[in-house]
Amino acid sequence: MPEKVVSYTEKEHIAVVTLNNPGHGNWVDSFLSQELMEACLRINENPDIYFGIITGKGDNFCTGSQLENLLASGLSLSAALAKMNGEAVRYEVAAAVAMIEKPVIAAINGAALGQGLEIALSCDIRYASEKASFGFPQVAAGLMPMDGGTQRLPRLIGKGKALELILSGETIDAREAWNIGLVSQVISADELMAKTTAFAAGMAANAPVAMRYVKEAVNKGCDLTLEQGMRLEADLYFLIHTTADRTEGIRAFQEKRKPQFKGE
């Protein structure tokens, strides 16, 4: 086990969080759960971070929870639980990712299975390597998604396709994930991080307060009626007019220069 199973770096307003236990497929255990939640908190608490990226080390993004992986290896439930030394088996890490206030991209470099797919779903945008794969294999082991998968997936790709994917336990490739709207882009493996970082850098040049409000309007609005969502959008729009970033944006336009946003 490496000293840190989640690595965290910051550069030019972008935080990169890397699931870093490739020997175990970057599986979710108590160590990764705690460190990932701490990384999410760091992003929220640092006003100098405008954008986040979550990716995996090695050949996998995240192959699911420790329990899911042990069951997939052929162990019985009792044997898997015994191997885990009585540890809790439910870590709600996707909720921590979803609570990040800044926009977050999942750079999915390999397999995103079970709880690993749930982590990807909790991000705002998903870019996939051509080598990536996706699936919810839990039903075959007598389990079910438990970190938001049954709720976030149908909201993204529709109820029928989501049920088909979850009930069948089928694993799909990156191209099929793009076809059904699960990911926004499919990128060659050697360019995934460069293109993801370039996109994040371009977005990080925009007003960070406005980006946070856009994320809030879209995410909360999806669970509201159209009329309620329009009111939320209007409220956030008027709030933007009270920010220093809005004043700087207007001044920069008038002075024909690049704005220097501060997230205030």
Protein backbone atom coordinates (compact mmCIF):
# COMPACT_ATOMS: atom_id res chain seq x y z
CA MET A 1 0.00 0.00 0.00
CA PRO A 2 1.55 3.37 -0.98
CA GLU A 3 1.76 6.06 1.68
CA LYS A 4 -0.91 8.02 -0.12
CA VAL A 5 -3.61 6.33 -2.18
CA VAL A 6 -4.86 9.71 -3.42
CA SER A 7 -2.38 12.27 -4.74
CA TYR A 8 -3.24 15.95 -4.94
CA THR A 9 -1.59 18.73 -6.93
CA GLU A 10 -2.45 22.35 -7.63
CA LYS A 11 -1.29 24.48 -10.54
CA GLU A 12 -2.68 27.62 -12.14
CA HIS A 13 -6.09 27.47 -10.44
CA ILE A 14 -6.55 23.75 -11.23
CA ALA A 15 -6.50 20.92 -8.70
CA VAL A 16 -5.68 17.42 -9.99
CA VAL A 17 -6.78 14.51 -7.79
CA THR A 18 -5.33 11.13 -8.76
CA LEU A 19 -6.59 7.83 -7.36
CA ASN A 20 -3.24 6.23 -6.65
CA ASN A 21 -3.49 2.55 -5.76
CA PRO A 22 -2.97 0.95 -9.19
CA GLY A 23 -1.98 -2.41 -7.71
CA HIS A 24 -5.58 -2.81 -6.58
CA GLY A 25 -7.27 -1.07 -9.50
CA ASN A 26 -7.58 2.13 -7.42
CA TRP A 27 -10.36 0.41 -5.49
CA VAL A 28 -12.36 2.27 -2.85
CA ASP A 29 -11.38 1.23 0.66
CA SER A 30 -11.17 3.09 3.95
CA PHE A 31 -7.84 4.69 2.97
CA LEU A 32 -8.91 5.96 -0.45
CA SER A 33 -12.29 7.05 0.91
CA GLN A 34 -10.75 9.22 3.61
CA GLU A 35 -8.09 10.74 1.38
CA LEU A 36 -10.50 11.46 -1.47
CA MET A 37 -12.90 13.21 0.88
CA GLU A 38 -10.00 15.29 2.23
CA ALA A 39 -9.00 16.24 -1.33
CA CYS A 40 -12.56 17.33 -2.13
CA LEU A 41 -12.57 19.48 0.99
CA ARG A 42 -9.25 21.08 0.00
CA ILE A 43 -10.71 22.09 -3.37
CA ASN A 44 -13.74 23.67 -1.74
CA GLU A 45 -11.73 25.51 0.90
CA ASN A 46 -9.11 26.96 -1.45
CA PRO A 47 -10.44 30.13 -3.14
CA ASP A 48 -7.50 30.02 -5.57
CA ILE A 49 -8.78 26.76 -7.13
CA TYR A 50 -11.32 27.32 -9.89
CA PHE A 51 -11.47 23.87 -11.53
CA GLY A 52 -10.89 20.25 -10.52
CA ILE A 53 -9.80 17.09 -12.36
CA ILE A 54 -10.14 13.55 -11.03
CA THR A 55 -8.27 10.70 -12.71
CA GLY A 56 -6.69 7.33 -11.93
CA LYS A 57 -3.13 6.04 -11.82
CA GLY A 58 -2.16 3.15 -14.08
CA ASP A 59 -4.51 1.18 -16.29
CA ASN A 60 -7.72 1.84 -14.34
CA PHE A 61 -9.73 4.83 -13.25
CA CYS A 62 -11.34 2.89 -10.40
CA THR A 63 -12.54 -0.72 -10.50
CA GLY A 64 -15.04 -0.24 -7.69
CA SER A 65 -15.08 -0.84 -3.98
CA GLN A 66 -12.78 -3.27 -2.23
CA LEU A 67 -15.75 -5.57 -1.58
CA GLU A 68 -16.82 -5.49 -5.24
CA ASN A 69 -13.31 -6.41 -6.32
CA LEU A 70 -13.01 -9.27 -3.84
CA LEU A 71 -16.34 -10.71 -4.91
CA ALA A 72 -15.32 -10.37 -8.57
CA SER A 73 -12.21 -12.43 -7.78
CA GLY A 74 -14.43 -15.38 -6.83
CA LEU A 75 -14.58 -15.03 -3.06
CA SER A 76 -17.86 -15.63 -1.28
CA LEU A 77 -19.41 -12.73 0.60
CA SER A 78 -18.40 -14.17 3.96
CA ALA A 79 -14.84 -14.79 2.77
CA ALA A 80 -14.60 -11.28 1.32
CA LEU A 81 -15.82 -9.71 4.54
CA ALA A 82 -13.38 -11.81 6.54
CA LYS A 83 -10.53 -10.68 4.29
CA MET A 84 -11.51 -7.08 4.96
CA ASN A 85 -11.11 -7.71 8.72
CA GLY A 86 -14.59 -6.48 9.55
CA GLU A 87 -14.12 -3.06 7.96
CA ALA A 88 -17.18 -1.09 6.99
CA VAL A 89 -18.00 -1.86 3.36
CA ARG A 90 -19.93 1.28 2.40
CA TYR A 91 -18.00 4.46 1.73
CA GLU A 92 -20.00 7.30 0.18
CA VAL A 93 -17.16 8.96 -1.70
CA ALA A 94 -19.23 10.05 -4.70
CA ALA A 95 -21.24 12.35 -2.46
CA ALA A 96 -18.04 14.15 -1.45
CA VAL A 97 -17.11 14.65 -5.11
CA ALA A 98 -20.60 15.88 -5.95
CA MET A 99 -20.39 18.47 -3.17
CA ILE A 100 -17.37 20.19 -4.73
CA GLU A 101 -18.59 23.69 -5.57
CA LYS A 102 -16.19 24.23 -8.46
CA PRO A 103 -16.62 22.42 -11.84
CA VAL A 104 -14.96 18.99 -11.92
CA ILE A 105 -13.90 16.85 -14.89
CA ALA A 106 -13.37 13.11 -14.65
CA ALA A 107 -10.45 12.10 -16.89
CA ILE A 108 -11.32 8.42 -17.17
CA ASN A 109 -8.11 6.67 -18.15
CA GLY A 110 -9.30 3.05 -17.85
CA ALA A 111 -11.96 0.89 -16.24
CA ALA A 112 -14.63 2.77 -14.28
CA LEU A 113 -16.66 0.00 -12.70
CA GLY A 114 -19.12 -0.17 -9.83
CA GLN A 115 -18.31 2.53 -7.33
CA GLY A 116 -15.62 3.79 -9.70
CA LEU A 117 -18.33 4.65 -12.21
CA GLU A 118 -20.30 6.27 -9.42
CA ILE A 119 -17.33 8.56 -8.73
CA ALA A 120 -17.19 9.48 -12.43
CA LEU A 121 -20.92 10.17 -12.48
CA SER A 122 -20.57 12.59 -9.57
CA CYS A 123 -18.24 14.77 -11.67
CA ASP A 124 -19.70 17.45 -13.92
CA ILE A 125 -17.99 16.47 -17.18
CA ARG A 126 -16.50 13.14 -18.22
CA TYR A 127 -13.70 12.70 -20.76
CA ALA A 128 -12.71 9.11 -21.54
CA SER A 129 -9.60 7.48 -22.87
CA GLU A 130 -10.20 5.21 -25.84
CA LYS A 131 -9.14 2.41 -23.46
CA ALA A 132 -11.80 3.21 -20.86
CA SER A 133 -14.65 0.88 -19.97
CA PHE A 134 -17.78 1.34 -17.88
CA GLY A 135 -20.23 -0.84 -16.02
CA PHE A 136 -22.14 -1.72 -12.89
CA PRO A 137 -21.34 -5.41 -12.21
CA GLN A 138 -22.83 -5.45 -8.71
CA VAL A 139 -26.09 -7.29 -9.51
CA ALA A 140 -24.19 -10.39 -10.61
CA ALA A 141 -22.71 -10.56 -7.10
CA GLY A 142 -26.05 -10.06 -5.39
CA LEU A 143 -25.39 -6.36 -4.72
CA MET A 144 -26.51 -3.07 -6.24
CA PRO A 145 -25.00 0.39 -6.77
CA MET A 146 -25.03 2.24 -3.45
CA ASP A 147 -23.14 5.51 -4.00
CA GLY A 148 -25.63 7.32 -6.20
CA GLY A 149 -25.42 5.16 -9.32
CA THR A 150 -29.13 4.33 -9.49
CA GLN A 151 -29.95 8.05 -9.25
CA ARG A 152 -27.26 9.83 -11.25
CA LEU A 153 -27.06 7.45 -14.22
CA PRO A 154 -30.75 7.72 -15.29
CA ARG A 155 -30.60 11.48 -14.92
CA LEU A 156 -27.69 11.48 -17.36
CA ILE A 157 -28.62 8.87 -19.98
CA GLY A 158 -32.32 8.20 -19.36
CA LYS A 159 -34.17 5.62 -17.27
CA GLY A 160 -34.42 2.82 -19.84
CA LYS A 161 -30.76 2.75 -20.82
CA ALA A 162 -29.68 3.15 -17.19
CA LEU A 163 -31.77 0.18 -16.10
CA GLU A 164 -30.42 -1.89 -18.97
CA LEU A 165 -26.84 -1.12 -17.99
CA ILE A 166 -27.35 -1.72 -14.26
CA LEU A 167 -29.57 -4.83 -14.50
CA SER A 168 -27.43 -6.55 -17.14
CA GLY A 169 -24.12 -5.86 -15.43
CA GLU A 170 -22.75 -5.29 -18.94
CA THR A 171 -19.43 -3.53 -19.43
CA ILE A 172 -19.37 -1.07 -22.32
CA ASP A 173 -16.43 0.55 -24.08
CA ALA A 174 -15.64 4.25 -24.44
CA ARG A 175 -17.29 4.60 -27.83
CA GLU A 176 -20.58 3.16 -26.59
CA ALA A 177 -20.35 5.39 -23.50
CA TRP A 178 -20.07 8.37 -25.85
CA ASN A 179 -22.99 7.15 -27.96
CA ILE A 180 -25.34 7.04 -24.95
CA GLY A 181 -24.15 10.35 -23.51
CA LEU A 182 -22.25 8.93 -20.56
CA VAL A 183 -19.06 10.75 -21.60
CA SER A 184 -18.58 13.99 -23.53
CA GLN A 185 -15.44 13.06 -25.46
CA VAL A 186 -13.31 10.03 -26.29
CA ILE A 187 -9.62 10.91 -26.45
CA SER A 188 -6.53 8.87 -27.25
CA ALA A 189 -4.89 7.53 -24.10
CA ASP A 190 -1.66 9.46 -24.52
CA GLU A 191 -3.53 12.77 -24.95
CA LEU A 192 -6.21 12.38 -22.28
CA MET A 193 -4.60 14.37 -19.48
CA ALA A 194 -3.12 17.01 -21.79
CA LYS A 195 -6.48 17.73 -23.45
CA THR A 196 -8.38 17.57 -20.15
CA THR A 197 -5.93 19.97 -18.54
CA ALA A 198 -6.08 22.31 -21.54
CA PHE A 199 -9.87 22.43 -21.35
CA ALA A 200 -9.75 23.07 -17.59
CA ALA A 201 -7.16 25.81 -18.08
CA GLY A 202 -9.36 27.52 -20.64
CA MET A 203 -12.35 27.38 -18.31
CA ALA A 204 -10.24 28.51 -15.32
CA ALA A 205 -9.64 31.79 -17.18
CA ASN A 206 -13.36 32.57 -16.83
CA ALA A 207 -14.98 34.19 -13.80
CA PRO A 208 -14.91 31.54 -11.04
CA VAL A 209 -18.00 32.87 -9.25
CA ALA A 210 -19.99 32.72 -12.47
CA MET A 211 -18.83 29.13 -13.08
CA ARG A 212 -19.87 28.09 -9.58
CA TYR A 213 -23.29 29.67 -10.05
CA VAL A 214 -23.73 27.99 -13.44
CA LYS A 215 -22.94 24.62 -11.85
CA GLU A 216 -25.42 25.28 -9.06
CA ALA A 217 -28.14 26.41 -11.48
CA VAL A 218 -27.79 23.34 -13.71
CA ASN A 219 -27.40 20.73 -10.96
CA LYS A 220 -30.15 22.02 -8.70
CA GLY A 221 -32.37 23.01 -11.58
CA CYS A 222 -32.51 19.45 -12.89
CA ASP A 223 -34.47 18.48 -9.76
CA LEU A 224 -36.86 21.44 -9.96
CA THR A 225 -39.77 22.33 -12.19
CA LEU A 226 -38.92 24.62 -15.11
CA GLU A 227 -40.55 27.56 -13.35
CA GLN A 228 -38.60 26.92 -10.14
CA GLY A 229 -35.39 26.47 -12.10
CA MET A 230 -35.93 29.76 -13.90
CA ARG A 231 -36.37 31.52 -10.54
CA LEU A 232 -33.14 29.94 -9.26
CA GLU A 233 -31.32 31.11 -12.39
CA ALA A 234 -32.67 34.65 -11.95
CA ASP A 235 -31.65 34.75 -8.27
CA LEU A 236 -28.11 33.62 -9.09
CA TYR A 237 -27.91 36.08 -12.00
CA PHE A 238 -28.76 38.99 -9.70
CA LEU A 239 -26.23 37.75 -7.14
CA ILE A 240 -23.50 37.89 -9.79
CA HIS A 241 -24.14 41.63 -10.11
CA THR A 242 -22.94 42.09 -6.53
CA THR A 243 -19.52 40.50 -7.19
CA ALA A 244 -16.16 42.14 -7.83
CA ASP A 245 -15.62 39.70 -10.72
CA ARG A 246 -18.62 41.12 -12.55
CA THR A 247 -17.24 44.66 -12.14
CA GLU A 248 -13.82 43.52 -13.34
CA GLY A 249 -15.35 41.81 -16.38
CA ILE A 250 -17.12 44.99 -17.47
CA ARG A 251 -14.05 47.14 -16.83
CA ALA A 252 -11.80 44.75 -18.78
CA PHE A 253 -14.24 44.79 -21.72
CA GLN A 254 -14.29 48.58 -21.75
CA GLU A 255 -10.50 48.76 -21.52
CA LYS A 256 -10.07 46.03 -24.14
CA ARG A 257 -7.87 43.83 -21.95
CA LYS A 258 -8.00 40.38 -20.42
CA PRO A 259 -9.94 40.35 -17.15
CA GLN A 260 -8.15 39.47 -13.92
CA PHE A 261 -10.79 37.57 -11.97
CA LYS A 262 -10.25 36.85 -8.27
CA GLY A 263 -13.29 34.76 -7.44
CA GLU A 264 -14.84 37.54 -5.38
